[in-house]
C-alpha atoms as a PDB file:
ATOM      1  CA  MET A   1      -2.822  17.990  -0.868  1.00  0.00           C
ATOM      2  CA  THR A   2      -6.591  18.365  -1.181  1.00  0.00           C
ATOM      3  CA  LYS A   3      -8.882  15.842   0.492  1.00  0.00           C
ATOM      4  CA  HIS A   4     -12.275  15.297  -1.113  1.00  0.00           C
ATOM      5  CA  ARG A   5     -14.698  13.889   1.478  1.00  0.00           C
ATOM      6  CA  ARG A   6     -17.680  11.735   0.637  1.00  0.00           C
ATOM      7  CA  LEU A   7     -21.012  10.931   2.307  1.00  0.00           C
ATOM      8  CA  GLY A   8     -20.246   7.317   3.141  1.00  0.00           C
ATOM      9  CA  THR A   9     -17.326   5.183   4.283  1.00  0.00           C
ATOM     10  CA  GLN A  10     -16.581   1.689   3.053  1.00  0.00           C
ATOM     11  CA  PHE A  11     -14.871  -0.715   5.439  1.00  0.00           C
ATOM     12  CA  ARG A  12     -14.553  -4.473   5.389  1.00  0.00           C
ATOM     13  CA  TRP A  13     -13.975  -6.262   8.680  1.00  0.00           C
ATOM     14  CA  GLY A  14     -13.579 -10.009   8.914  1.00  0.00           C
ATOM     15  CA  GLY A  15     -14.926 -10.628   5.435  1.00  0.00           C
ATOM     16  CA  PHE A  16     -18.114  -8.564   5.839  1.00  0.00           C
ATOM     17  CA  PHE A  17     -18.530  -5.563   3.542  1.00  0.00           C
ATOM     18  CA  LEU A  18     -20.158  -2.580   5.219  1.00  0.00           C
ATOM     19  CA  LEU A  19     -21.449   0.740   3.975  1.00  0.00           C
ATOM     20  CA  CYS A  20     -21.421   3.214   6.872  1.00  0.00           C
ATOM     21  CA  ILE A  21     -23.287   6.496   6.573  1.00  0.00           C
ATOM     22  CA  GLY A  22     -23.813   8.787   9.513  1.00  0.00           C
ATOM     23  CA  GLY A  23     -22.576   6.102  11.902  1.00  0.00           C
ATOM     24  CA  LEU A  24     -25.065   3.469  10.751  1.00  0.00           C
ATOM     25  CA  CYS A  25     -23.831   0.305   9.032  1.00  0.00           C
ATOM     26  CA  SER A  26     -25.719  -2.068   6.784  1.00  0.00           C
ATOM     27  CA  ALA A  27     -24.704  -4.891   4.498  1.00  0.00           C
ATOM     28  CA  THR A  28     -24.324  -4.113   0.827  1.00  0.00           C
ATOM     29  CA  SER A  29     -22.911  -5.751  -2.288  1.00  0.00           C
ATOM     30  CA  SER A  30     -19.911  -4.572  -4.277  1.00  0.00           C
ATOM     31  CA  ALA A  31     -20.507  -6.851  -7.234  1.00  0.00           C
ATOM     32  CA  THR A  32     -20.823  -5.280 -10.658  1.00  0.00           C
ATOM     33  CA  ALA A  33     -21.232  -6.752 -14.110  1.00  0.00           C
ATOM     34  CA  ALA A  34     -17.898  -7.428 -15.798  1.00  0.00           C
ATOM     35  CA  PRO A  35     -17.188  -5.500 -19.023  1.00  0.00           C
ATOM     36  CA  ARG A  36     -17.445  -7.450 -22.287  1.00  0.00           C
ATOM     37  CA  VAL A  37     -14.273  -8.385 -24.168  1.00  0.00           C
ATOM     38  CA  ASP A  38     -13.864  -9.209 -27.853  1.00  0.00           C
ATOM     39  CA  LEU A  39     -10.533 -10.885 -28.658  1.00  0.00           C
ATOM     40  CA  GLU A  40      -9.338 -10.774 -32.265  1.00  0.00           C
ATOM     41  CA  LEU A  41      -5.965 -12.353 -33.071  1.00  0.00           C
ATOM     42  CA  CYS A  42      -4.169 -11.647 -36.341  1.00  0.00           C
ATOM     43  CA  THR A  43      -1.638 -14.111 -37.718  1.00  0.00           C
ATOM     44  CA  ALA A  44       1.518 -12.432 -38.972  1.00  0.00           C
ATOM     45  CA  PRO A  45       2.878 -13.320 -42.456  1.00  0.00           C
ATOM     46  CA  GLY A  46       4.567 -16.724 -42.401  1.00  0.00           C
ATOM     47  CA  VAL A  47       2.519 -18.150 -39.522  1.00  0.00           C
ATOM     48  CA  THR A  48       1.241 -21.583 -40.585  1.00  0.00           C
ATOM     49  CA  PRO A  49      -2.432 -22.589 -40.413  1.00  0.00           C
ATOM     50  CA  THR A  50      -1.364 -25.283 -37.953  1.00  0.00           C
ATOM     51  CA  ALA A  51      -0.023 -22.671 -35.516  1.00  0.00           C
ATOM     52  CA  ALA A  52      -3.259 -20.692 -35.792  1.00  0.00           C
ATOM     53  CA  GLN A  53      -5.269 -23.860 -35.038  1.00  0.00           C
ATOM     54  CA  GLU A  54      -3.072 -24.551 -31.999  1.00  0.00           C
ATOM     55  CA  TRP A  55      -3.760 -21.052 -30.680  1.00  0.00           C
ATOM     56  CA  LEU A  56      -7.489 -21.499 -31.222  1.00  0.00           C
ATOM     57  CA  ARG A  57      -7.444 -24.733 -29.190  1.00  0.00           C
ATOM     58  CA  ALA A  58      -5.250 -23.179 -26.513  1.00  0.00           C
ATOM     59  CA  LEU A  59      -7.599 -20.253 -25.990  1.00  0.00           C
ATOM     60  CA  GLN A  60     -10.871 -22.167 -25.896  1.00  0.00           C
ATOM     61  CA  GLY A  61     -12.711 -21.598 -22.632  1.00  0.00           C
ATOM     62  CA  LEU A  62     -11.324 -18.115 -21.956  1.00  0.00           C
ATOM     63  CA  ASP A  63     -13.840 -15.683 -20.488  1.00  0.00           C
ATOM     64  CA  VAL A  64     -14.337 -13.564 -23.607  1.00  0.00           C
ATOM     65  CA  ASP A  65     -17.510 -12.762 -25.482  1.00  0.00           C
ATOM     66  CA  ASN A  66     -16.034 -13.241 -28.942  1.00  0.00           C
ATOM     67  CA  LEU A  67     -12.834 -14.983 -30.043  1.00  0.00           C
ATOM     68  CA  ARG A  68     -11.644 -14.731 -33.629  1.00  0.00           C
ATOM     69  CA  ILE A  69      -8.405 -15.601 -35.423  1.00  0.00           C
ATOM     70  CA  ARG A  70      -7.725 -14.238 -38.899  1.00  0.00           C
ATOM     71  CA  ALA A  71      -4.858 -13.419 -41.213  1.00  0.00           C
ATOM     72  CA  ALA A  72      -3.338  -9.988 -40.796  1.00  0.00           C
ATOM     73  CA  ASN A  73      -4.269  -7.408 -43.412  1.00  0.00           C
ATOM     74  CA  GLY A  74      -1.149  -5.390 -42.758  1.00  0.00           C
ATOM     75  CA  GLY A  75      -0.546  -2.586 -40.311  1.00  0.00           C
ATOM     76  CA  GLU A  76      -2.287  -4.222 -37.351  1.00  0.00           C
ATOM     77  CA  ARG A  77      -0.709  -3.869 -33.935  1.00  0.00           C
ATOM     78  CA  ALA A  78      -1.486  -5.148 -30.475  1.00  0.00           C
ATOM     79  CA  GLU A  79      -3.952  -2.709 -28.928  1.00  0.00           C
ATOM     80  CA  VAL A  80      -7.072  -2.293 -26.814  1.00  0.00           C
ATOM     81  CA  GLU A  81      -9.978  -0.208 -28.023  1.00  0.00           C
ATOM     82  CA  THR A  82     -12.389   0.902 -25.297  1.00  0.00           C
ATOM     83  CA  ILE A  83     -16.007   1.292 -26.350  1.00  0.00           C
ATOM     84  CA  GLY A  84     -18.331   3.001 -23.871  1.00  0.00           C
ATOM     85  CA  SER A  85     -17.588   3.388 -20.158  1.00  0.00           C
ATOM     86  CA  GLY A  86     -18.566   2.167 -16.721  1.00  0.00           C
ATOM     87  CA  ALA A  87     -20.846  -0.851 -16.500  1.00  0.00           C
ATOM     88  CA  THR A  88     -21.471  -0.782 -20.266  1.00  0.00           C
ATOM     89  CA  ALA A  89     -17.786  -0.675 -21.253  1.00  0.00           C
ATOM     90  CA  ARG A  90     -16.598  -3.059 -23.935  1.00  0.00           C
ATOM     91  CA  TYR A  91     -12.986  -3.813 -24.828  1.00  0.00           C
ATOM     92  CA  ARG A  92     -11.975  -4.793 -28.340  1.00  0.00           C
ATOM     93  CA  VAL A  93      -8.554  -6.443 -28.082  1.00  0.00           C
ATOM     94  CA  THR A  94      -6.288  -6.984 -31.070  1.00  0.00           C
ATOM     95  CA  GLY A  95      -3.411  -9.429 -30.631  1.00  0.00           C
ATOM     96  CA  ILE A  96      -0.688 -10.539 -33.046  1.00  0.00           C
ATOM     97  CA  ILE A  97       0.267 -14.202 -33.443  1.00  0.00           C
ATOM     98  CA  LEU A  98       3.923 -14.441 -34.473  1.00  0.00           C
ATOM     99  CA  GLY A  99       4.114 -18.201 -34.140  1.00  0.00           C
ATOM    100  CA  ARG A 100       3.249 -21.039 -31.793  1.00  0.00           C
ATOM    101  CA  ASP A 101       5.541 -19.611 -29.156  1.00  0.00           C
ATOM    102  CA  GLU A 102       4.552 -15.978 -29.299  1.00  0.00           C
ATOM    103  CA  LEU A 103       1.331 -14.041 -29.023  1.00  0.00           C
ATOM    104  CA  ARG A 104       1.591 -10.306 -28.477  1.00  0.00           C
ATOM    105  CA  LEU A 105      -1.135  -8.604 -26.501  1.00  0.00           C
ATOM    106  CA  PRO A 106      -0.911  -5.012 -25.284  1.00  0.00           C
ATOM    107  CA  GLY A 107       1.669  -5.023 -22.500  1.00  0.00           C
ATOM    108  CA  GLY A 108       2.537  -8.716 -22.690  1.00  0.00           C
ATOM    109  CA  LYS A 109       3.904 -11.699 -24.628  1.00  0.00           C
ATOM    110  CA  PHE A 110       2.528 -15.234 -24.292  1.00  0.00           C
ATOM    111  CA  THR A 111       2.921 -18.781 -25.607  1.00  0.00           C
ATOM    112  CA  THR A 112       0.264 -21.460 -26.167  1.00  0.00           C
ATOM    113  CA  ALA A 113       1.163 -22.839 -22.708  1.00  0.00           C
ATOM    114  CA  ASP A 114       0.244 -19.524 -21.049  1.00  0.00           C
ATOM    115  CA  LYS A 115      -3.543 -19.867 -20.958  1.00  0.00           C
ATOM    116  CA  ALA A 116      -3.635 -19.118 -17.205  1.00  0.00           C
ATOM    117  CA  ARG A 117      -1.514 -15.976 -17.679  1.00  0.00           C
ATOM    118  CA  ILE A 118      -3.752 -14.814 -20.535  1.00  0.00           C
ATOM    119  CA  ALA A 119      -6.807 -15.378 -18.318  1.00  0.00           C
ATOM    120  CA  LYS A 120      -5.203 -13.185 -15.638  1.00  0.00           C
ATOM    121  CA  TRP A 121      -4.426 -10.574 -18.288  1.00  0.00           C
ATOM    122  CA  LEU A 122      -8.092 -10.536 -19.285  1.00  0.00           C
ATOM    123  CA  ASP A 123      -9.195 -10.246 -15.633  1.00  0.00           C
ATOM    124  CA  LYS A 124      -6.844  -7.312 -15.166  1.00  0.00           C
ATOM    125  CA  LEU A 125      -8.257  -5.643 -18.271  1.00  0.00           C
ATOM    126  CA  LYS A 126     -11.822  -6.046 -17.019  1.00  0.00           C
ATOM    127  CA  GLU A 127     -10.969  -4.737 -13.571  1.00  0.00           C
ATOM    128  CA  GLY A 128      -8.726  -1.819 -14.445  1.00  0.00           C
ATOM    129  CA  GLY A 129      -9.384  -0.984 -18.082  1.00  0.00           C
ATOM    130  CA  ALA A 130      -6.903  -0.568 -20.919  1.00  0.00           C
ATOM    131  CA  GLU A 131      -4.417   1.424 -18.829  1.00  0.00           C
ATOM    132  CA  SER A 132      -4.064  -1.455 -16.354  1.00  0.00           C
ATOM    133  CA  VAL A 133      -2.532  -3.723 -19.017  1.00  0.00           C
ATOM    134  CA  THR A 134      -0.597  -1.133 -21.007  1.00  0.00           C
ATOM    135  CA  ALA A 135       0.817   1.218 -18.374  1.00  0.00           C
ATOM    136  CA  LYS A 136       4.114   0.399 -16.689  1.00  0.00           C
ATOM    137  CA  VAL A 137       3.644  -1.093 -13.246  1.00  0.00           C
ATOM    138  CA  ALA A 138       5.135   0.831 -10.310  1.00  0.00           C
ATOM    139  CA  ALA A 139       5.269  -0.309  -6.678  1.00  0.00           C
ATOM    140  CA  PHE A 140       2.622  -2.644  -5.190  1.00  0.00           C
ATOM    141  CA  GLY A 141       1.540  -3.737  -8.669  1.00  0.00           C
ATOM    142  CA  LEU A 142      -0.078  -0.339  -9.257  1.00  0.00           C
ATOM    143  CA  THR A 143       0.352   1.877 -12.266  1.00  0.00           C
ATOM    144  CA  GLY A 144       2.025   5.232 -11.721  1.00  0.00           C
ATOM    145  CA  LYS A 145      -1.370   6.953 -11.870  1.00  0.00           C
ATOM    146  CA  GLN A 146      -2.844   4.561  -9.314  1.00  0.00           C
ATOM    147  CA  LEU A 147       0.138   4.993  -6.995  1.00  0.00           C
ATOM    148  CA  VAL A 148      -0.281   8.774  -7.042  1.00  0.00           C
ATOM    149  CA  GLU A 149      -4.013   8.354  -6.403  1.00  0.00           C
ATOM    150  CA  ILE A 150      -3.640   6.198  -3.294  1.00  0.00           C
ATOM    151  CA  HIS A 151      -0.641   8.163  -1.961  1.00  0.00           C
ATOM    152  CA  THR A 152      -2.673  11.370  -2.208  1.00  0.00           C
ATOM    153  CA  ALA A 153      -5.697   9.770  -0.538  1.00  0.00           C
ATOM    154  CA  LEU A 154      -3.554   8.509   2.355  1.00  0.00           C
ATOM    155  CA  ALA A 155      -2.070  11.962   3.023  1.00  0.00           C
ATOM    156  CA  VAL A 156      -5.082  13.025   5.130  1.00  0.00           C
ATOM    157  CA  LYS A 157      -3.987  13.563   8.753  1.00  0.00           C
ATOM    158  CA  LEU A 158      -5.393  11.913  11.862  1.00  0.00           C
ATOM    159  CA  LYS A 159      -7.310  14.349  14.046  1.00  0.00           C
ATOM    160  CA  PHE A 160      -7.698  12.035  17.030  1.00  0.00           C
ATOM    161  CA  GLY A 161      -5.382  10.567  19.644  1.00  0.00           C
ATOM    162  CA  THR A 162      -4.249   6.966  19.348  1.00  0.00           C
ATOM    163  CA  ALA A 163      -1.896   6.140  22.246  1.00  0.00           C
ATOM    164  CA  GLY A 164      -3.559   3.530  24.458  1.00  0.00           C
ATOM    165  CA  GLN A 165      -6.603   3.209  22.175  1.00  0.00           C
ATOM    166  CA  PRO A 166      -7.855  -0.199  20.933  1.00  0.00           C
ATOM    167  CA  ALA A 167      -6.101  -1.142  17.695  1.00  0.00           C
ATOM    168  CA  ASP A 168      -9.297  -2.292  15.973  1.00  0.00           C
ATOM    169  CA  ASP A 169     -11.142   0.939  16.804  1.00  0.00           C
ATOM    170  CA  THR A 170      -8.185   2.960  15.528  1.00  0.00           C
ATOM    171  CA  VAL A 171      -8.190   1.060  12.227  1.00  0.00           C
ATOM    172  CA  ARG A 172     -11.922   1.697  11.871  1.00  0.00           C
ATOM    173  CA  LYS A 173     -11.455   5.414  12.505  1.00  0.00           C
ATOM    174  CA  ILE A 174      -8.677   5.625   9.923  1.00  0.00           C
ATOM    175  CA  ALA A 175     -10.794   3.701   7.411  1.00  0.00           C
ATOM    176  CA  ALA A 176     -13.623   6.183   7.990  1.00  0.00           C
ATOM    177  CA  MET A 177     -11.330   8.978   6.788  1.00  0.00           C
ATOM    178  CA  LEU A 178     -10.655   7.371   3.418  1.00  0.00           C
ATOM    179  CA  ASP A 179     -12.400   7.164   0.064  1.00  0.00           C
ATOM    180  CA  HIS A 180     -10.904   3.702  -0.506  1.00  0.00           C
ATOM    181  CA  ALA A 181     -12.210   0.512   1.075  1.00  0.00           C
ATOM    182  CA  VAL A 182     -10.103  -1.032   3.847  1.00  0.00           C
ATOM    183  CA  THR A 183     -10.368  -4.787   4.426  1.00  0.00           C
ATOM    184  CA  VAL A 184      -9.121  -7.076   7.177  1.00  0.00           C
ATOM    185  CA  ALA A 185      -8.431 -10.673   6.143  1.00  0.00           C
ATOM    186  CA  PRO A 186     -10.734 -12.993   8.158  1.00  0.00           C
ATOM    187  CA  GLU A 187      -7.839 -15.204   9.255  1.00  0.00           C
ATOM    188  CA  VAL A 188      -6.062 -12.339  11.049  1.00  0.00           C
ATOM    189  CA  ARG A 189      -9.066 -10.637  12.617  1.00  0.00           C
ATOM    190  CA  GLY A 190      -8.403 -12.297  15.984  1.00  0.00           C
ATOM    191  CA  ARG A 191      -5.024 -10.613  16.330  1.00  0.00           C
ATOM    192  CA  PHE A 192      -6.732  -7.336  17.210  1.00  0.00           C
ATOM    193  CA  ALA A 193      -8.363  -8.773  20.328  1.00  0.00           C
ATOM    194  CA  GLY A 194      -7.201  -6.846  23.399  1.00  0.00           C
ATOM    195  CA  GLU A 195      -4.470  -4.998  21.493  1.00  0.00           C
ATOM    196  CA  SER A 196      -3.926  -1.264  21.877  1.00  0.00           C
ATOM    197  CA  VAL A 197      -1.862   1.316  20.015  1.00  0.00           C
ATOM    198  CA  SER A 198       1.429   2.253  21.669  1.00  0.00           C
ATOM    199  CA  ASP A 199       2.357   5.322  19.590  1.00  0.00           C
ATOM    200  CA  GLU A 200       0.673   8.714  19.475  1.00  0.00           C
ATOM    201  CA  LEU A 201      -0.255   9.203  15.831  1.00  0.00           C
ATOM    202  CA  GLU A 202      -2.409  12.306  15.968  1.00  0.00           C
ATOM    203  CA  GLY A 203      -1.311  14.597  13.138  1.00  0.00           C
ATOM    204  CA  VAL A 204       0.365  11.741  11.223  1.00  0.00           C
ATOM    205  CA  SER A 205      -1.062  10.940   7.777  1.00  0.00           C
ATOM    206  CA  ALA A 206      -3.427   7.985   7.378  1.00  0.00           C
ATOM    207  CA  GLY A 207      -1.152   5.732   5.314  1.00  0.00           C
ATOM    208  CA  THR A 208       1.787   5.867   7.704  1.00  0.00           C
ATOM    209  CA  ALA A 209      -0.502   5.651  10.730  1.00  0.00           C
ATOM    210  CA  LEU A 210      -2.406   2.622   9.418  1.00  0.00           C
ATOM    211  CA  ALA A 211       0.825   0.768   8.658  1.00  0.00           C
ATOM    212  CA  ALA A 212       2.200   1.643  12.112  1.00  0.00           C
ATOM    213  CA  VAL A 213      -0.942   0.466  13.937  1.00  0.00           C
ATOM    214  CA  VAL A 214      -1.029  -3.011  12.368  1.00  0.00           C
ATOM    215  CA  ARG A 215       2.729  -3.729  12.252  1.00  0.00           C
ATOM    216  CA  PRO A 216       3.040  -4.802  15.925  1.00  0.00           C
ATOM    217  CA  LEU A 217       0.340  -7.397  15.231  1.00  0.00           C
ATOM    218  CA  GLY A 218       2.429  -8.987  12.485  1.00  0.00           C
ATOM    219  CA  LEU A 219       0.210  -7.403   9.836  1.00  0.00           C
ATOM    220  CA  VAL A 220       0.794  -5.114   6.870  1.00  0.00           C
ATOM    221  CA  VAL A 221      -1.248  -2.944   4.538  1.00  0.00           C
ATOM    222  CA  ALA A 222      -1.267  -4.185   0.939  1.00  0.00           C
ATOM    223  CA  PRO A 223      -2.882  -2.083  -1.822  1.00  0.00           C
ATOM    224  CA  VAL A 224      -4.744  -4.149  -4.433  1.00  0.00           C
ATOM    225  CA  VAL A 225      -6.866  -3.266  -7.467  1.00  0.00           C
ATOM    226  CA  GLN A 226     -10.248  -4.897  -7.967  1.00  0.00           C
ATOM    227  CA  GLY A 227     -12.934  -3.784 -10.342  1.00  0.00           C
ATOM    228  CA  GLY A 228     -10.745  -0.875 -11.345  1.00  0.00           C
ATOM    229  CA  LYS A 229     -10.737   0.446  -7.761  1.00  0.00           C
ATOM    230  CA  ILE A 230      -7.862   0.469  -5.290  1.00  0.00           C
ATOM    231  CA  ARG A 231      -8.480  -1.328  -2.005  1.00  0.00           C
ATOM    232  CA  LEU A 232      -6.282  -1.555   1.095  1.00  0.00           C
ATOM    233  CA  ASP A 233      -6.006  -5.092   2.477  1.00  0.00           C
ATOM    234  CA  ILE A 234      -4.701  -5.751   5.998  1.00  0.00           C
ATOM    235  CA  VAL A 235      -3.042  -9.162   5.856  1.00  0.00           C
ATOM    236  CA  ASP A 236      -0.374 -11.292   7.517  1.00  0.00           C
ATOM    237  CA  SER A 237       3.066  -9.843   6.778  1.00  0.00           C
ATOM    238  CA  ARG A 238       4.165 -13.204   5.363  1.00  0.00           C
ATOM    239  CA  ALA A 239       1.323 -13.205   2.826  1.00  0.00           C
ATOM    240  CA  ALA A 240       2.276  -9.944   1.097  1.00  0.00           C
ATOM    241  CA  LYS A 241       5.066  -9.524  -1.426  1.00  0.00           C
ATOM    242  CA  GLU A 242       4.932  -5.754  -0.975  1.00  0.00           C
ATOM    243  CA  SER A 243       3.320  -3.619   1.696  1.00  0.00           C
ATOM    244  CA  TRP A 244       2.679   0.052   2.402  1.00  0.00           C
ATOM    245  CA  PRO A 245       5.661   1.418   4.365  1.00  0.00           C
ATOM    246  CA  ILE A 246       5.761   3.273   7.661  1.00  0.00           C
ATOM    247  CA  GLY A 247       6.934   6.513   6.065  1.00  0.00           C
ATOM    248  CA  TRP A 248       9.042   7.408   3.070  1.00  0.00           C
ATOM    249  CA  PRO A 249      12.586   8.695   2.495  1.00  0.00           C
ATOM    250  CA  LEU A 250      12.923  12.324   3.507  1.00  0.00           C
ATOM    251  CA  GLU A 251      13.861  14.540   0.576  1.00  0.00           C
ATOM    252  CA  ALA A 252      14.802  17.656   2.571  1.00  0.00           C
ATOM    253  CA  ASN A 253      17.892  17.797   4.783  1.00  0.00           C
ATOM    254  CA  THR A 254      17.597  17.757   8.584  1.00  0.00           C
ATOM    255  CA  GLY A 255      18.080  21.492   8.921  1.00  0.00           C
ATOM    256  CA  GLU A 256      15.153  22.201   6.611  1.00  0.00           C
ATOM    257  CA  ALA A 257      12.818  19.426   7.743  1.00  0.00           C
ATOM    258  CA  ALA A 258      13.505  19.351  11.493  1.00  0.00           C
ATOM    259  CA  PRO A 259      15.453  22.431  12.629  1.00  0.00           C
ATOM    260  CA  GLU A 260      14.656  21.736  16.301  1.00  0.00           C
ATOM    261  CA  LEU A 261      16.878  18.645  16.147  1.00  0.00           C
ATOM    262  CA  LEU A 262      19.866  20.910  15.536  1.00  0.00           C
ATOM    263  CA  LYS A 263      19.112  23.339  18.339  1.00  0.00           C
ATOM    264  CA  PHE A 264      21.926  23.604  20.917  1.00  0.00           C
ATOM    265  CA  LEU A 265      21.315  23.304  24.655  1.00  0.00           C
ATOM    266  CA  ASP A 266      23.005  22.359  27.917  1.00  0.00           C
ATOM    267  CA  VAL A 267      21.958  18.876  28.948  1.00  0.00           C
ATOM    268  CA  GLU A 268      22.693  16.169  31.477  1.00  0.00           C
ATOM    269  CA  ILE A 269      20.797  12.890  31.853  1.00  0.00           C
ATOM    270  CA  ASN A 270      21.482  10.686  34.871  1.00  0.00           C
ATOM    271  CA  ASP A 271      20.266   7.094  35.058  1.00  0.00           C
ATOM    272  CA  THR A 272      16.896   7.908  33.465  1.00  0.00           C
ATOM    273  CA  PRO A 273      14.467   5.444  31.834  1.00  0.00           C
ATOM    274  CA  LEU A 274      14.895   5.659  28.080  1.00  0.00           C
ATOM    275  CA  ALA A 275      11.130   6.064  27.628  1.00  0.00           C
ATOM    276  CA  GLU A 276      11.216   9.164  29.838  1.00  0.00           C
ATOM    277  CA  ALA A 277      14.202  10.610  27.980  1.00  0.00           C
ATOM    278  CA  LEU A 278      12.525  10.054  24.615  1.00  0.00           C
ATOM    279  CA  ALA A 279       9.311  11.694  25.793  1.00  0.00           C
ATOM    280  CA  ALA A 280      11.261  14.753  26.931  1.00  0.00           C
ATOM    281  CA  ILE A 281      13.109  15.007  23.613  1.00  0.00           C
ATOM    282  CA  GLN A 282       9.924  14.512  21.614  1.00  0.00           C
ATOM    283  CA  SER A 283       8.130  17.307  23.439  1.00  0.00           C
ATOM    284  CA  ARG A 284      10.923  19.723  22.546  1.00  0.00           C
ATOM    285  CA  VAL A 285      11.614  18.797  18.918  1.00  0.00           C
ATOM    286  CA  LYS A 286       7.853  18.660  18.221  1.00  0.00           C
ATOM    287  CA  LEU A 287       8.039  15.710  15.847  1.00  0.00           C
ATOM    288  CA  PRO A 288       5.972  12.502  15.963  1.00  0.00           C
ATOM    289  CA  MET A 289       8.049   9.603  17.283  1.00  0.00           C
ATOM    290  CA  LEU A 290       7.173   6.152  15.920  1.00  0.00           C
ATOM    291  CA  ILE A 291       8.844   2.994  17.189  1.00  0.00           C
ATOM    292  CA  ASP A 292       9.538  -0.386  15.593  1.00  0.00           C
ATOM    293  CA  HIS A 293       7.958  -2.318  18.445  1.00  0.00           C
ATOM    294  CA  ASN A 294       8.509  -5.618  16.614  1.00  0.00           C
ATOM    295  CA  GLY A 295      12.260  -5.031  16.432  1.00  0.00           C
ATOM    296  CA  LEU A 296      12.489  -3.934  20.063  1.00  0.00           C
ATOM    297  CA  ALA A 297      10.568  -7.016  21.215  1.00  0.00           C
ATOM    298  CA  ARG A 298      12.731  -9.269  19.052  1.00  0.00           C
ATOM    299  CA  HIS A 299      15.889  -7.943  20.715  1.00  0.00           C
ATOM    300  CA  GLN A 300      14.292  -7.705  24.178  1.00  0.00           C
ATOM    301  CA  VAL A 301      14.569  -3.932  24.536  1.00  0.00           C
ATOM    302  CA  ASP A 302      12.225  -2.460  27.144  1.00  0.00           C
ATOM    303  CA  LEU A 303      12.150   1.338  26.964  1.00  0.00           C
ATOM    304  CA  GLU A 304      10.827   1.609  30.519  1.00  0.00           C
ATOM    305  CA  LYS A 305      13.473  -0.632  32.054  1.00  0.00           C
ATOM    306  CA  THR A 306      16.446   0.531  29.965  1.00  0.00           C
ATOM    307  CA  ARG A 307      18.186   3.438  31.704  1.00  0.00           C
ATOM    308  CA  VAL A 308      20.473   5.929  29.995  1.00  0.00           C
ATOM    309  CA  THR A 309      23.062   8.466  31.102  1.00  0.00           C
ATOM    310  CA  ILE A 310      24.512  11.401  29.141  1.00  0.00           C
ATOM    311  CA  LYS A 311      27.300  13.515  30.613  1.00  0.00           C
ATOM    312  CA  GLY A 312      26.610  17.198  31.056  1.00  0.00           C
ATOM    313  CA  GLY A 313      27.640  19.576  28.314  1.00  0.00           C
ATOM    314  CA  ARG A 314      26.437  21.709  25.463  1.00  0.00           C
ATOM    315  CA  THR A 315      25.140  19.761  22.472  1.00  0.00           C
ATOM    316  CA  PHE A 316      22.086  19.484  20.196  1.00  0.00           C
ATOM    317  CA  TYR A 317      18.976  17.312  20.277  1.00  0.00           C
ATOM    318  CA  SER A 318      20.000  15.115  17.362  1.00  0.00           C
ATOM    319  CA  LYS A 319      23.161  14.041  19.181  1.00  0.00           C
ATOM    320  CA  ILE A 320      21.343  13.582  22.497  1.00  0.00           C
ATOM    321  CA  LEU A 321      18.806  11.336  20.783  1.00  0.00           C
ATOM    322  CA  SER A 322      21.511   9.279  19.070  1.00  0.00           C
ATOM    323  CA  GLN A 323      23.526   8.863  22.275  1.00  0.00           C
ATOM    324  CA  ALA A 324      20.504   7.843  24.330  1.00  0.00           C
ATOM    325  CA  LEU A 325      19.329   5.310  21.735  1.00  0.00           C
ATOM    326  CA  ASN A 326      22.816   3.921  21.211  1.00  0.00           C
ATOM    327  CA  GLN A 327      22.924   2.773  24.847  1.00  0.00           C
ATOM    328  CA  ALA A 328      20.051   0.392  24.001  1.00  0.00           C
ATOM    329  CA  LYS A 329      21.526  -0.560  20.612  1.00  0.00           C
ATOM    330  CA  LEU A 330      18.838   1.516  18.908  1.00  0.00           C
ATOM    331  CA  LYS A 331      18.985   4.143  16.164  1.00  0.00           C
ATOM    332  CA  TYR A 332      16.746   6.751  14.627  1.00  0.00           C
ATOM    333  CA  GLU A 333      16.127   8.155  11.184  1.00  0.00           C
ATOM    334  CA  LEU A 334      13.969  10.915   9.828  1.00  0.00           C
ATOM    335  CA  ARG A 335      11.191   9.813   7.515  1.00  0.00           C
ATOM    336  CA  ALA A 336       8.253  11.614   5.915  1.00  0.00           C
ATOM    337  CA  ASP A 337       4.609  10.597   5.939  1.00  0.00           C
ATOM    338  CA  GLU A 338       2.337  10.911   2.899  1.00  0.00           C
ATOM    339  CA  SER A 339       1.692  14.591   3.662  1.00  0.00           C
ATOM    340  CA  GLU A 340       5.486  15.125   3.650  1.00  0.00           C
ATOM    341  CA  ARG A 341       5.520  15.798   7.386  1.00  0.00           C
ATOM    342  CA  PRO A 342       8.761  14.518   8.962  1.00  0.00           C
ATOM    343  CA  PHE A 343       8.737  12.097  11.884  1.00  0.00           C
ATOM    344  CA  ILE A 344      11.305  10.148  13.900  1.00  0.00           C
ATOM    345  CA  TRP A 345      11.483   6.386  13.291  1.00  0.00           C
ATOM    346  CA  ILE A 346      13.239   4.394  16.019  1.00  0.00           C
ATOM    347  CA  SER A 347      14.484   0.869  15.345  1.00  0.00           C
ATOM    348  CA  SER A 348      17.108  -1.647  16.423  1.00  0.00           C
ATOM    349  CA  LYS A 349      20.691  -1.413  15.202  1.00  0.00           C
ATOM    350  CA  LEU A 350      20.752  -5.214  15.155  1.00  0.00           C
ATOM    351  CA  ASP A 351      18.235  -5.556  12.306  1.00  0.00           C
END
């Protein structure tokens, strides 16, 4: 996937928006004028004047530039017409009133009690344009096009080491690689204090790496759309309905994606710390190894203190890895990062 670099990097830390160019940071504003919206509602045949008056009262106070209700001429349909672009864009919305209990707008149905939902619909239109209210929503509340955009952007690989590095510095470095703003919610900023990254993520793509760095802190990465642009928010895991995952299902089979795991060898492991055994395996299979540190802590698994033994014999790395992890009630699976590079994900069998 192609990465298009830019001159500056946007990063929000603790509620302060920064524009960093050439290593220098200064405050800037991201506010832009909202597009204008004209809302014209057509009453379908059979809709009483009373129902039209109820809709007019229900919609008073909405943030639109013009609101009009008229009888349908025939052939109208719910649609959004975009006039102009950028800061001068204007949206002409046509809606169909079918009765007191149904108003059809592009991509949605509403009743007279749904003023708050209609207001959100209008906000979404202003922020993301016509496609944001008409396109089918995929994961994370993004449209399919937006999901492809952010997945592609997050496929850029880390070119620096992370193991033992401060978590906040690592997040800043990852943010500097991206064309999308990264924000840290002010209420969770303190969780980074004194925390370092346990896993080596060099060569792993930015999306997977960012999610892996913040997970041990009880945080997740949540994509959001504002002003038509996708932003990555780092928030408390309990505050997000959906969050960017640490890797994706692997489409290729093990033999294609990680042939080293199926390589045969003679092996014997005697009363060895699991951390040491994993490091030896990782160096030979040449795959990144990411660990669910939250799960291990929850089940009190210490990789340094847990010792494993595997009887001598001829076998392959995949089986050695499974046997060693099993002795600590752990398991592994192959996942792929955003660049489709496979990695090993280690987690507890008890979760």
